[in-house]
């Protein structure tokens, strides 16, 4: 991940409802959740949550799949790993490979 993508991800996560939605999607795992369920769980209006999910999707943090008439949102775990890797790329005195075990424990392979 480069600086531009990292800034887009941080901007997307900088609003409370979007951060809550992203954390909820991480918890939901690869099965994801429909927008209506996300809105209900977070006590948000559906149109507001749809706009927030669009911002997260445009930042690359969330993916979508269509199931019938529903759109299912899922956290894009490779993007999360990329963001964490970007933050830690100069850790350990410039030896980021030393941090790989830590990143592996922070992000699942789901």
PDB file of N, CA and C in Angstrom:
ATOM      1  N   UNK A   1       0.856  -1.170   0.000  1.00  0.00           N
ATOM      2  CA  UNK A   1       0.000   0.000   0.000  1.00  0.00           C
ATOM      3  C   UNK A   1       0.902   1.232   0.000  1.00  0.00           C
ATOM      4  N   UNK A   2       0.507   2.214  -0.796  1.00  0.00           N
ATOM      5  CA  UNK A   2       1.289   3.443  -0.830  1.00  0.00           C
ATOM      6  C   UNK A   2       0.624   4.516   0.035  1.00  0.00           C
ATOM      7  N   UNK A   3       1.286   5.652   0.148  1.00  0.00           N
ATOM      8  CA  UNK A   3       0.802   6.719   1.022  1.00  0.00           C
ATOM      9  C   UNK A   3      -0.589   7.212   0.615  1.00  0.00           C
ATOM     10  N   UNK A   4      -0.845   7.341  -0.681  1.00  0.00           N
ATOM     11  CA  UNK A   4      -2.147   7.818  -1.155  1.00  0.00           C
ATOM     12  C   UNK A   4      -3.261   6.875  -0.733  1.00  0.00           C
ATOM     13  N   UNK A   5      -3.050   5.568  -0.897  1.00  0.00           N
ATOM     14  CA  UNK A   5      -4.063   4.589  -0.494  1.00  0.00           C
ATOM     15  C   UNK A   5      -4.242   4.561   1.021  1.00  0.00           C
ATOM     16  N   UNK A   6      -3.152   4.696   1.745  1.00  0.00           N
ATOM     17  CA  UNK A   6      -3.236   4.716   3.207  1.00  0.00           C
ATOM     18  C   UNK A   6      -4.043   5.929   3.674  1.00  0.00           C
ATOM     19  N   UNK A   7      -3.791   7.077   3.059  1.00  0.00           N
ATOM     20  CA  UNK A   7      -4.547   8.274   3.437  1.00  0.00           C
ATOM     21  C   UNK A   7      -6.032   8.122   3.121  1.00  0.00           C
ATOM     22  N   UNK A   8      -6.356   7.492   2.009  1.00  0.00           N
ATOM     23  CA  UNK A   8      -7.759   7.244   1.667  1.00  0.00           C
ATOM     24  C   UNK A   8      -8.400   6.318   2.698  1.00  0.00           C
ATOM     25  N   UNK A   9      -7.669   5.297   3.120  1.00  0.00           N
ATOM     26  CA  UNK A   9      -8.195   4.373   4.131  1.00  0.00           C
ATOM     27  C   UNK A   9      -8.401   5.085   5.463  1.00  0.00           C
ATOM     28  N   UNK A  10      -7.426   5.886   5.872  1.00  0.00           N
ATOM     29  CA  UNK A  10      -7.570   6.624   7.127  1.00  0.00           C
ATOM     30  C   UNK A  10      -8.728   7.614   7.062  1.00  0.00           C
ATOM     31  N   UNK A  11      -8.887   8.279   5.931  1.00  0.00           N
ATOM     32  CA  UNK A  11      -9.996   9.223   5.777  1.00  0.00           C
ATOM     33  C   UNK A  11     -11.329   8.490   5.877  1.00  0.00           C
ATOM     34  N   UNK A  12     -11.412   7.319   5.265  1.00  0.00           N
ATOM     35  CA  UNK A  12     -12.650   6.539   5.319  1.00  0.00           C
ATOM     36  C   UNK A  12     -12.960   6.084   6.741  1.00  0.00           C
ATOM     37  N   UNK A  13     -11.943   5.774   7.497  1.00  0.00           N
ATOM     38  CA  UNK A  13     -12.134   5.287   8.860  1.00  0.00           C
ATOM     39  C   UNK A  13     -12.254   6.410   9.895  1.00  0.00           C
ATOM     40  N   UNK A  14     -12.108   7.650   9.457  1.00  0.00           N
ATOM     41  CA  UNK A  14     -12.055   8.761  10.410  1.00  0.00           C
ATOM     42  C   UNK A  14     -13.423   9.247  10.880  1.00  0.00           C
ATOM     43  N   UNK A  15     -14.478   8.603  10.450  1.00  0.00           N
ATOM     44  CA  UNK A  15     -15.837   8.967  10.874  1.00  0.00           C
ATOM     45  C   UNK A  15     -16.356   7.837  11.757  1.00  0.00           C
ATOM     46  N   UNK A  16     -16.978   8.140  12.893  1.00  0.00           N
ATOM     47  CA  UNK A  16     -17.361   7.097  13.854  1.00  0.00           C
ATOM     48  C   UNK A  16     -18.235   5.979  13.278  1.00  0.00           C
ATOM     49  N   UNK A  17     -19.247   6.300  12.499  1.00  0.00           N
ATOM     50  CA  UNK A  17     -20.137   5.258  11.966  1.00  0.00           C
ATOM     51  C   UNK A  17     -19.390   4.350  10.990  1.00  0.00           C
ATOM     52  N   UNK A  18     -18.495   4.911  10.198  1.00  0.00           N
ATOM     53  CA  UNK A  18     -17.726   4.091   9.256  1.00  0.00           C
ATOM     54  C   UNK A  18     -16.743   3.192   9.997  1.00  0.00           C
ATOM     55  N   UNK A  19     -16.101   3.723  11.018  1.00  0.00           N
ATOM     56  CA  UNK A  19     -15.190   2.903  11.818  1.00  0.00           C
ATOM     57  C   UNK A  19     -15.963   1.768  12.486  1.00  0.00           C
ATOM     58  N   UNK A  20     -17.127   2.083  13.039  1.00  0.00           N
ATOM     59  CA  UNK A  20     -17.953   1.044  13.664  1.00  0.00           C
ATOM     60  C   UNK A  20     -18.381  -0.008  12.643  1.00  0.00           C
ATOM     61  N   UNK A  21     -18.760   0.434  11.443  1.00  0.00           N
ATOM     62  CA  UNK A  21     -19.189  -0.506  10.403  1.00  0.00           C
ATOM     63  C   UNK A  21     -18.026  -1.408   9.992  1.00  0.00           C
ATOM     64  N   UNK A  22     -16.854  -0.828   9.832  1.00  0.00           N
ATOM     65  CA  UNK A  22     -15.698  -1.631   9.435  1.00  0.00           C
ATOM     66  C   UNK A  22     -15.358  -2.661  10.514  1.00  0.00           C
ATOM     67  N   UNK A  23     -15.396  -2.247  11.748  1.00  0.00           N
ATOM     68  CA  UNK A  23     -15.109  -3.187  12.847  1.00  0.00           C
ATOM     69  C   UNK A  23     -16.164  -4.293  12.906  1.00  0.00           C
ATOM     70  N   UNK A  24     -17.423  -3.934  12.647  1.00  0.00           N
ATOM     71  CA  UNK A  24     -18.499  -4.930  12.615  1.00  0.00           C
ATOM     72  C   UNK A  24     -18.264  -5.928  11.485  1.00  0.00           C
ATOM     73  N   UNK A  25     -17.817  -5.439  10.332  1.00  0.00           N
ATOM     74  CA  UNK A  25     -17.557  -6.337   9.205  1.00  0.00           C
ATOM     75  C   UNK A  25     -16.356  -7.236   9.465  1.00  0.00           C
ATOM     76  N   UNK A  26     -15.361  -6.735  10.164  1.00  0.00           N
ATOM     77  CA  UNK A  26     -14.239  -7.598  10.548  1.00  0.00           C
ATOM     78  C   UNK A  26     -14.753  -8.723  11.438  1.00  0.00           C
ATOM     79  N   UNK A  27     -15.611  -8.369  12.369  1.00  0.00           N
ATOM     80  CA  UNK A  27     -16.185  -9.368  13.280  1.00  0.00           C
ATOM     81  C   UNK A  27     -17.045 -10.381  12.535  1.00  0.00           C
ATOM     82  N   UNK A  28     -17.761  -9.933  11.507  1.00  0.00           N
ATOM     83  CA  UNK A  28     -18.651 -10.821  10.749  1.00  0.00           C
ATOM     84  C   UNK A  28     -17.878 -11.852   9.936  1.00  0.00           C
ATOM     85  N   UNK A  29     -16.631 -11.557   9.612  1.00  0.00           N
ATOM     86  CA  UNK A  29     -15.830 -12.509   8.855  1.00  0.00           C
ATOM     87  C   UNK A  29     -16.155 -12.491   7.374  1.00  0.00           C
ATOM     88  N   UNK A  30     -15.704 -13.512   6.665  1.00  0.00           N
ATOM     89  CA  UNK A  30     -15.846 -13.521   5.204  1.00  0.00           C
ATOM     90  C   UNK A  30     -17.293 -13.608   4.716  1.00  0.00           C
ATOM     91  N   UNK A  31     -18.210 -14.038   5.577  1.00  0.00           N
ATOM     92  CA  UNK A  31     -19.614 -14.107   5.167  1.00  0.00           C
ATOM     93  C   UNK A  31     -20.208 -12.721   4.978  1.00  0.00           C
ATOM     94  N   UNK A  32     -19.680 -11.740   5.695  1.00  0.00           N
ATOM     95  CA  UNK A  32     -20.149 -10.367   5.572  1.00  0.00           C
ATOM     96  C   UNK A  32     -21.556 -10.168   6.084  1.00  0.00           C
ATOM     97  N   UNK A  33     -22.099  -8.985   5.815  1.00  0.00           N
ATOM     98  CA  UNK A  33     -23.436  -8.611   6.268  1.00  0.00           C
ATOM     99  C   UNK A  33     -24.103  -7.733   5.222  1.00  0.00           C
ATOM    100  N   UNK A  34     -25.431  -7.817   5.130  1.00  0.00           N
ATOM    101  CA  UNK A  34     -26.136  -6.894   4.243  1.00  0.00           C
ATOM    102  C   UNK A  34     -26.195  -5.496   4.864  1.00  0.00           C
ATOM    103  N   UNK A  35     -26.318  -4.483   4.024  1.00  0.00           N
ATOM    104  CA  UNK A  35     -26.332  -3.096   4.486  1.00  0.00           C
ATOM    105  C   UNK A  35     -27.411  -2.846   5.529  1.00  0.00           C
ATOM    106  N   UNK A  36     -28.591  -3.396   5.321  1.00  0.00           N
ATOM    107  CA  UNK A  36     -29.683  -3.187   6.271  1.00  0.00           C
ATOM    108  C   UNK A  36     -29.357  -3.708   7.653  1.00  0.00           C
ATOM    109  N   UNK A  37     -28.715  -4.859   7.723  1.00  0.00           N
ATOM    110  CA  UNK A  37     -28.343  -5.421   9.028  1.00  0.00           C
ATOM    111  C   UNK A  37     -27.256  -4.583   9.685  1.00  0.00           C
ATOM    112  N   UNK A  38     -26.335  -4.075   8.897  1.00  0.00           N
ATOM    113  CA  UNK A  38     -25.286  -3.201   9.450  1.00  0.00           C
ATOM    114  C   UNK A  38     -25.928  -1.951  10.031  1.00  0.00           C
ATOM    115  N   UNK A  39     -26.841  -1.350   9.272  1.00  0.00           N
ATOM    116  CA  UNK A  39     -27.522  -0.135   9.725  1.00  0.00           C
ATOM    117  C   UNK A  39     -28.312  -0.390  10.999  1.00  0.00           C
ATOM    118  N   UNK A  40     -29.041  -1.486  11.054  1.00  0.00           N
ATOM    119  CA  UNK A  40     -29.841  -1.817  12.235  1.00  0.00           C
ATOM    120  C   UNK A  40     -28.950  -2.058  13.446  1.00  0.00           C
ATOM    121  N   UNK A  41     -27.890  -2.836  13.262  1.00  0.00           N
ATOM    122  CA  UNK A  41     -26.983  -3.148  14.368  1.00  0.00           C
ATOM    123  C   UNK A  41     -26.346  -1.885  14.940  1.00  0.00           C
ATOM    124  N   UNK A  42     -26.014  -0.952  14.054  1.00  0.00           N
ATOM    125  CA  UNK A  42     -25.333   0.270  14.490  1.00  0.00           C
ATOM    126  C   UNK A  42     -26.300   1.418  14.747  1.00  0.00           C
ATOM    127  N   UNK A  43     -27.594   1.148  14.659  1.00  0.00           N
ATOM    128  CA  UNK A  43     -28.628   2.158  14.892  1.00  0.00           C
ATOM    129  C   UNK A  43     -28.417   3.383  14.000  1.00  0.00           C
ATOM    130  N   UNK A  44     -28.269   3.120  12.708  1.00  0.00           N
ATOM    131  CA  UNK A  44     -28.076   4.167  11.712  1.00  0.00           C
ATOM    132  C   UNK A  44     -29.194   4.082  10.670  1.00  0.00           C
ATOM    133  N   UNK A  45     -29.484   5.206  10.019  1.00  0.00           N
ATOM    134  CA  UNK A  45     -30.443   5.174   8.908  1.00  0.00           C
ATOM    135  C   UNK A  45     -29.812   4.422   7.747  1.00  0.00           C
ATOM    136  N   UNK A  46     -30.650   3.681   7.005  1.00  0.00           N
ATOM    137  CA  UNK A  46     -30.112   2.850   5.933  1.00  0.00           C
ATOM    138  C   UNK A  46     -29.435   3.667   4.840  1.00  0.00           C
ATOM    139  N   UNK A  47     -30.027   4.815   4.450  1.00  0.00           N
ATOM    140  CA  UNK A  47     -29.401   5.591   3.386  1.00  0.00           C
ATOM    141  C   UNK A  47     -28.067   6.191   3.845  1.00  0.00           C
ATOM    142  N   UNK A  48     -27.979   6.573   5.106  1.00  0.00           N
ATOM    143  CA  UNK A  48     -26.715   7.082   5.644  1.00  0.00           C
ATOM    144  C   UNK A  48     -25.670   5.975   5.677  1.00  0.00           C
ATOM    145  N   UNK A  49     -26.075   4.779   6.107  1.00  0.00           N
ATOM    146  CA  UNK A  49     -25.127   3.666   6.163  1.00  0.00           C
ATOM    147  C   UNK A  49     -24.692   3.260   4.769  1.00  0.00           C
ATOM    148  N   UNK A  50     -25.591   3.305   3.800  1.00  0.00           N
ATOM    149  CA  UNK A  50     -25.206   2.972   2.427  1.00  0.00           C
ATOM    150  C   UNK A  50     -24.143   3.935   1.915  1.00  0.00           C
ATOM    151  N   UNK A  51     -24.297   5.206   2.224  1.00  0.00           N
ATOM    152  CA  UNK A  51     -23.290   6.197   1.821  1.00  0.00           C
ATOM    153  C   UNK A  51     -21.961   5.917   2.510  1.00  0.00           C
ATOM    154  N   UNK A  52     -22.001   5.584   3.791  1.00  0.00           N
ATOM    155  CA  UNK A  52     -20.773   5.271   4.526  1.00  0.00           C
ATOM    156  C   UNK A  52     -20.100   4.005   3.989  1.00  0.00           C
ATOM    157  N   UNK A  53     -20.896   2.999   3.660  1.00  0.00           N
ATOM    158  CA  UNK A  53     -20.335   1.764   3.104  1.00  0.00           C
ATOM    159  C   UNK A  53     -19.725   2.019   1.731  1.00  0.00           C
ATOM    160  N   UNK A  54     -20.295   2.920   0.982  1.00  0.00           N
ATOM    161  CA  UNK A  54     -19.742   3.287  -0.317  1.00  0.00           C
ATOM    162  C   UNK A  54     -18.363   3.922  -0.153  1.00  0.00           C
ATOM    163  N   UNK A  55     -18.213   4.759   0.850  1.00  0.00           N
ATOM    164  CA  UNK A  55     -16.923   5.395   1.117  1.00  0.00           C
ATOM    165  C   UNK A  55     -15.884   4.341   1.504  1.00  0.00           C
ATOM    166  N   UNK A  56     -16.272   3.402   2.344  1.00  0.00           N
ATOM    167  CA  UNK A  56     -15.355   2.323   2.737  1.00  0.00           C
ATOM    168  C   UNK A  56     -14.990   1.452   1.535  1.00  0.00           C
ATOM    169  N   UNK A  57     -15.964   1.214   0.664  1.00  0.00           N
ATOM    170  CA  UNK A  57     -15.713   0.419  -0.539  1.00  0.00           C
ATOM    171  C   UNK A  57     -14.755   1.151  -1.471  1.00  0.00           C
ATOM    172  N   UNK A  58     -14.996   2.442  -1.680  1.00  0.00           N
ATOM    173  CA  UNK A  58     -14.131   3.233  -2.559  1.00  0.00           C
ATOM    174  C   UNK A  58     -12.701   3.320  -2.029  1.00  0.00           C
ATOM    175  N   UNK A  59     -12.550   3.235  -0.718  1.00  0.00           N
ATOM    176  CA  UNK A  59     -11.211   3.252  -0.113  1.00  0.00           C
ATOM    177  C   UNK A  59     -10.537   1.885  -0.182  1.00  0.00           C
ATOM    178  N   UNK A  60     -11.261   0.874  -0.656  1.00  0.00           N
ATOM    179  CA  UNK A  60     -10.693  -0.462  -0.791  1.00  0.00           C
ATOM    180  C   UNK A  60     -10.745  -1.297   0.471  1.00  0.00           C
ATOM    181  N   UNK A  61     -11.408  -0.802   1.511  1.00  0.00           N
ATOM    182  CA  UNK A  61     -11.462  -1.521   2.786  1.00  0.00           C
ATOM    183  C   UNK A  61     -12.591  -2.547   2.845  1.00  0.00           C
ATOM    184  N   UNK A  62     -13.558  -2.413   1.952  1.00  0.00           N
ATOM    185  CA  UNK A  62     -14.741  -3.266   1.969  1.00  0.00           C
ATOM    186  C   UNK A  62     -14.997  -3.773   0.554  1.00  0.00           C
ATOM    187  N   UNK A  63     -15.430  -5.026   0.454  1.00  0.00           N
ATOM    188  CA  UNK A  63     -15.821  -5.593  -0.830  1.00  0.00           C
ATOM    189  C   UNK A  63     -17.308  -5.899  -0.797  1.00  0.00           C
ATOM    190  N   UNK A  64     -17.897  -6.025  -1.955  1.00  0.00           N
ATOM    191  CA  UNK A  64     -19.327  -6.317  -2.057  1.00  0.00           C
ATOM    192  C   UNK A  64     -19.557  -7.521  -2.950  1.00  0.00           C
ATOM    193  N   UNK A  65     -20.604  -8.261  -2.621  1.00  0.00           N
ATOM    194  CA  UNK A  65     -21.096  -9.336  -3.476  1.00  0.00           C
ATOM    195  C   UNK A  65     -22.611  -9.256  -3.473  1.00  0.00           C
ATOM    196  N   UNK A  66     -23.203  -9.617  -4.583  1.00  0.00           N
ATOM    197  CA  UNK A  66     -24.664  -9.596  -4.684  1.00  0.00           C
ATOM    198  C   UNK A  66     -25.204 -10.991  -4.392  1.00  0.00           C
ATOM    199  N   UNK A  67     -26.189 -11.042  -3.507  1.00  0.00           N
ATOM    200  CA  UNK A  67     -26.914 -12.280  -3.213  1.00  0.00           C
ATOM    201  C   UNK A  67     -28.385 -11.983  -3.435  1.00  0.00           C
ATOM    202  N   UNK A  68     -28.891 -12.362  -4.588  1.00  0.00           N
ATOM    203  CA  UNK A  68     -30.275 -12.042  -4.918  1.00  0.00           C
ATOM    204  C   UNK A  68     -30.439 -10.540  -5.032  1.00  0.00           C
ATOM    205  N   UNK A  69     -31.332  -9.988  -4.215  1.00  0.00           N
ATOM    206  CA  UNK A  69     -31.561  -8.547  -4.228  1.00  0.00           C
ATOM    207  C   UNK A  69     -30.712  -7.808  -3.201  1.00  0.00           C
ATOM    208  N   UNK A  70     -29.945  -8.533  -2.428  1.00  0.00           N
ATOM    209  CA  UNK A  70     -29.133  -7.917  -1.378  1.00  0.00           C
ATOM    210  C   UNK A  70     -27.684  -7.761  -1.813  1.00  0.00           C
ATOM    211  N   UNK A  71     -27.054  -6.723  -1.291  1.00  0.00           N
ATOM    212  CA  UNK A  71     -25.610  -6.554  -1.451  1.00  0.00           C
ATOM    213  C   UNK A  71     -24.982  -6.865  -0.104  1.00  0.00           C
ATOM    214  N   UNK A  72     -24.047  -7.799  -0.125  1.00  0.00           N
ATOM    215  CA  UNK A  72     -23.365  -8.226   1.096  1.00  0.00           C
ATOM    216  C   UNK A  72     -22.007  -7.525   1.153  1.00  0.00           C
ATOM    217  N   UNK A  73     -21.738  -6.891   2.270  1.00  0.00           N
ATOM    218  CA  UNK A  73     -20.483  -6.170   2.486  1.00  0.00           C
ATOM    219  C   UNK A  73     -19.576  -6.997   3.381  1.00  0.00           C
ATOM    220  N   UNK A  74     -18.302  -7.038   3.028  1.00  0.00           N
ATOM    221  CA  UNK A  74     -17.302  -7.770   3.811  1.00  0.00           C
ATOM    222  C   UNK A  74     -16.054  -6.917   3.944  1.00  0.00           C
ATOM    223  N   UNK A  75     -15.386  -7.042   5.084  1.00  0.00           N
ATOM    224  CA  UNK A  75     -14.097  -6.372   5.261  1.00  0.00           C
ATOM    225  C   UNK A  75     -13.100  -7.008   4.302  1.00  0.00           C
ATOM    226  N   UNK A  76     -12.332  -6.186   3.628  1.00  0.00           N
ATOM    227  CA  UNK A  76     -11.312  -6.672   2.690  1.00  0.00           C
ATOM    228  C   UNK A  76     -10.008  -6.825   3.476  1.00  0.00           C
ATOM    229  N   UNK A  77      -9.800  -8.041   3.980  1.00  0.00           N
ATOM    230  CA  UNK A  77      -8.680  -8.289   4.876  1.00  0.00           C
ATOM    231  C   UNK A  77      -7.308  -8.007   4.242  1.00  0.00           C
ATOM    232  N   UNK A  78      -7.107  -8.273   2.956  1.00  0.00           N
ATOM    233  CA  UNK A  78      -5.809  -7.881   2.373  1.00  0.00           C
ATOM    234  C   UNK A  78      -5.559  -6.371   2.458  1.00  0.00           C
ATOM    235  N   UNK A  79      -6.615  -5.564   2.361  1.00  0.00           N
ATOM    236  CA  UNK A  79      -6.439  -4.112   2.490  1.00  0.00           C
ATOM    237  C   UNK A  79      -6.052  -3.750   3.919  1.00  0.00           C
ATOM    238  N   UNK A  80      -6.663  -4.411   4.896  1.00  0.00           N
ATOM    239  CA  UNK A  80      -6.303  -4.160   6.286  1.00  0.00           C
ATOM    240  C   UNK A  80      -4.848  -4.546   6.532  1.00  0.00           C
ATOM    241  N   UNK A  81      -4.461  -5.684   6.011  1.00  0.00           N
ATOM    242  CA  UNK A  81      -3.065  -6.106   6.155  1.00  0.00           C
ATOM    243  C   UNK A  81      -2.133  -5.106   5.472  1.00  0.00           C
ATOM    244  N   UNK A  82      -2.535  -4.618   4.307  1.00  0.00           N
ATOM    245  CA  UNK A  82      -1.728  -3.630   3.600  1.00  0.00           C
ATOM    246  C   UNK A  82      -1.569  -2.350   4.394  1.00  0.00           C
ATOM    247  N   UNK A  83      -2.653  -1.916   5.040  1.00  0.00           N
ATOM    248  CA  UNK A  83      -2.602  -0.707   5.854  1.00  0.00           C
ATOM    249  C   UNK A  83      -1.684  -0.900   7.055  1.00  0.00           C
ATOM    250  N   UNK A  84      -1.813  -2.036   7.713  1.00  0.00           N
ATOM    251  CA  UNK A  84      -0.940  -2.326   8.848  1.00  0.00           C
ATOM    252  C   UNK A  84       0.510  -2.453   8.414  1.00  0.00           C
ATOM    253  N   UNK A  85       0.738  -3.074   7.273  1.00  0.00           N
ATOM    254  CA  UNK A  85       2.103  -3.201   6.758  1.00  0.00           C
ATOM    255  C   UNK A  85       2.685  -1.836   6.425  1.00  0.00           C
ATOM    256  N   UNK A  86       1.862  -0.957   5.842  1.00  0.00           N
ATOM    257  CA  UNK A  86       2.318   0.397   5.528  1.00  0.00           C
ATOM    258  C   UNK A  86       2.768   1.112   6.797  1.00  0.00           C
ATOM    259  N   UNK A  87       1.992   0.976   7.868  1.00  0.00           N
ATOM    260  CA  UNK A  87       2.325   1.634   9.124  1.00  0.00           C
ATOM    261  C   UNK A  87       3.615   1.085   9.729  1.00  0.00           C
ATOM    262  N   UNK A  88       3.887  -0.179   9.468  1.00  0.00           N
ATOM    263  CA  UNK A  88       5.017  -0.829  10.115  1.00  0.00           C
ATOM    264  C   UNK A  88       6.193  -1.064   9.177  1.00  0.00           C
ATOM    265  N   UNK A  89       6.175  -0.469   7.980  1.00  0.00           N
ATOM    266  CA  UNK A  89       7.208  -0.808   7.001  1.00  0.00           C
ATOM    267  C   UNK A  89       8.609  -0.396   7.425  1.00  0.00           C
ATOM    268  N   UNK A  90       8.730   0.562   8.309  1.00  0.00           N
ATOM    269  CA  UNK A  90      10.061   0.972   8.760  1.00  0.00           C
ATOM    270  C   UNK A  90      10.330   0.566  10.206  1.00  0.00           C
ATOM    271  N   UNK A  91       9.537  -0.355  10.709  1.00  0.00           N
ATOM    272  CA  UNK A  91       9.721  -0.758  12.109  1.00  0.00           C
ATOM    273  C   UNK A  91      10.997  -1.583  12.276  1.00  0.00           C
ATOM    274  N   UNK A  92      11.314  -1.803  13.490  1.00  0.00           N
ATOM    275  CA  UNK A  92      12.439  -2.672  13.841  1.00  0.00           C
ATOM    276  C   UNK A  92      13.741  -2.211  13.204  1.00  0.00           C
ATOM    277  N   UNK A  93      13.960  -0.907  13.233  1.00  0.00           N
ATOM    278  CA  UNK A  93      15.201  -0.370  12.697  1.00  0.00           C
ATOM    279  C   UNK A  93      15.350  -0.570  11.201  1.00  0.00           C
ATOM    280  N   UNK A  94      14.226  -0.540  10.485  1.00  0.00           N
ATOM    281  CA  UNK A  94      14.277  -0.701   9.032  1.00  0.00           C
ATOM    282  C   UNK A  94      14.306  -2.142   8.577  1.00  0.00           C
ATOM    283  N   UNK A  95      13.947  -3.064   9.437  1.00  0.00           N
ATOM    284  CA  UNK A  95      13.888  -4.489   9.090  1.00  0.00           C
ATOM    285  C   UNK A  95      12.444  -4.974   9.241  1.00  0.00           C
ATOM    286  N   UNK A  96      11.560  -4.586   8.309  1.00  0.00           N
ATOM    287  CA  UNK A  96      10.142  -4.918   8.453  1.00  0.00           C
ATOM    288  C   UNK A  96       9.860  -6.416   8.471  1.00  0.00           C
ATOM    289  N   UNK A  97      10.768  -7.219   7.922  1.00  0.00           N
ATOM    290  CA  UNK A  97      10.539  -8.662   7.942  1.00  0.00           C
ATOM    291  C   UNK A  97      10.483  -9.192   9.374  1.00  0.00           C
ATOM    292  N   UNK A  98      11.080  -8.480  10.301  1.00  0.00           N
ATOM    293  CA  UNK A  98      11.024  -8.883  11.704  1.00  0.00           C
ATOM    294  C   UNK A  98       9.616  -8.724  12.267  1.00  0.00           C
ATOM    295  N   UNK A  99       8.820  -7.875  11.637  1.00  0.00           N
ATOM    296  CA  UNK A  99       7.452  -7.639  12.108  1.00  0.00           C
ATOM    297  C   UNK A  99       6.427  -8.553  11.442  1.00  0.00           C
ATOM    298  N   UNK A 100       6.830  -9.316  10.434  1.00  0.00           N
ATOM    299  CA  UNK A 100       5.890 -10.192   9.735  1.00  0.00           C
ATOM    300  C   UNK A 100       5.139 -11.132  10.683  1.00  0.00           C
ATOM    301  N   UNK A 101       5.806 -11.761  11.653  1.00  0.00           N
ATOM    302  CA  UNK A 101       5.042 -12.622  12.566  1.00  0.00           C
ATOM    303  C   UNK A 101       3.942 -11.854  13.307  1.00  0.00           C
ATOM    304  N   UNK A 102       4.223 -10.613  13.674  1.00  0.00           N
ATOM    305  CA  UNK A 102       3.218  -9.793  14.338  1.00  0.00           C
ATOM    306  C   UNK A 102       2.052  -9.514  13.402  1.00  0.00           C
ATOM    307  N   UNK A 103       2.337  -9.144  12.162  1.00  0.00           N
ATOM    308  CA  UNK A 103       1.266  -8.884  11.199  1.00  0.00           C
ATOM    309  C   UNK A 103       0.432 -10.128  10.943  1.00  0.00           C
ATOM    310  N   UNK A 104       1.084 -11.285  10.913  1.00  0.00           N
ATOM    311  CA  UNK A 104       0.353 -12.521  10.708  1.00  0.00           C
ATOM    312  C   UNK A 104      -0.636 -12.791  11.817  1.00  0.00           C
ATOM    313  N   UNK A 105      -0.310 -12.389  13.048  1.00  0.00           N
ATOM    314  CA  UNK A 105      -1.236 -12.606  14.150  1.00  0.00           C
ATOM    315  C   UNK A 105      -2.331 -11.545  14.191  1.00  0.00           C
ATOM    316  N   UNK A 106      -2.072 -10.371  13.596  1.00  0.00           N
ATOM    317  CA  UNK A 106      -3.055  -9.290  13.606  1.00  0.00           C
ATOM    318  C   UNK A 106      -4.112  -9.444  12.522  1.00  0.00           C
ATOM    319  N   UNK A 107      -3.796 -10.085  11.437  1.00  0.00           N
ATOM    320  CA  UNK A 107      -4.745 -10.233  10.331  1.00  0.00           C
ATOM    321  C   UNK A 107      -4.926 -11.699  10.012  1.00  0.00           C
ATOM    322  N   UNK A 108      -6.158 -12.093   9.943  1.00  0.00           N
ATOM    323  CA  UNK A 108      -6.444 -13.484   9.644  1.00  0.00           C
ATOM    324  C   UNK A 108      -6.378 -13.723   8.136  1.00  0.00           C
ATOM    325  N   UNK A 109      -6.384 -14.945   7.738  1.00  0.00           N
ATOM    326  CA  UNK A 109      -6.312 -15.278   6.323  1.00  0.00           C
ATOM    327  C   UNK A 109      -7.691 -15.494   5.729  1.00  0.00           C
ATOM    328  N   UNK A 110      -8.729 -15.062   6.432  1.00  0.00           N
ATOM    329  CA  UNK A 110     -10.086 -15.259   5.928  1.00  0.00           C
ATOM    330  C   UNK A 110     -10.439 -14.265   4.842  1.00  0.00           C
TER     331      UNK A 110
END
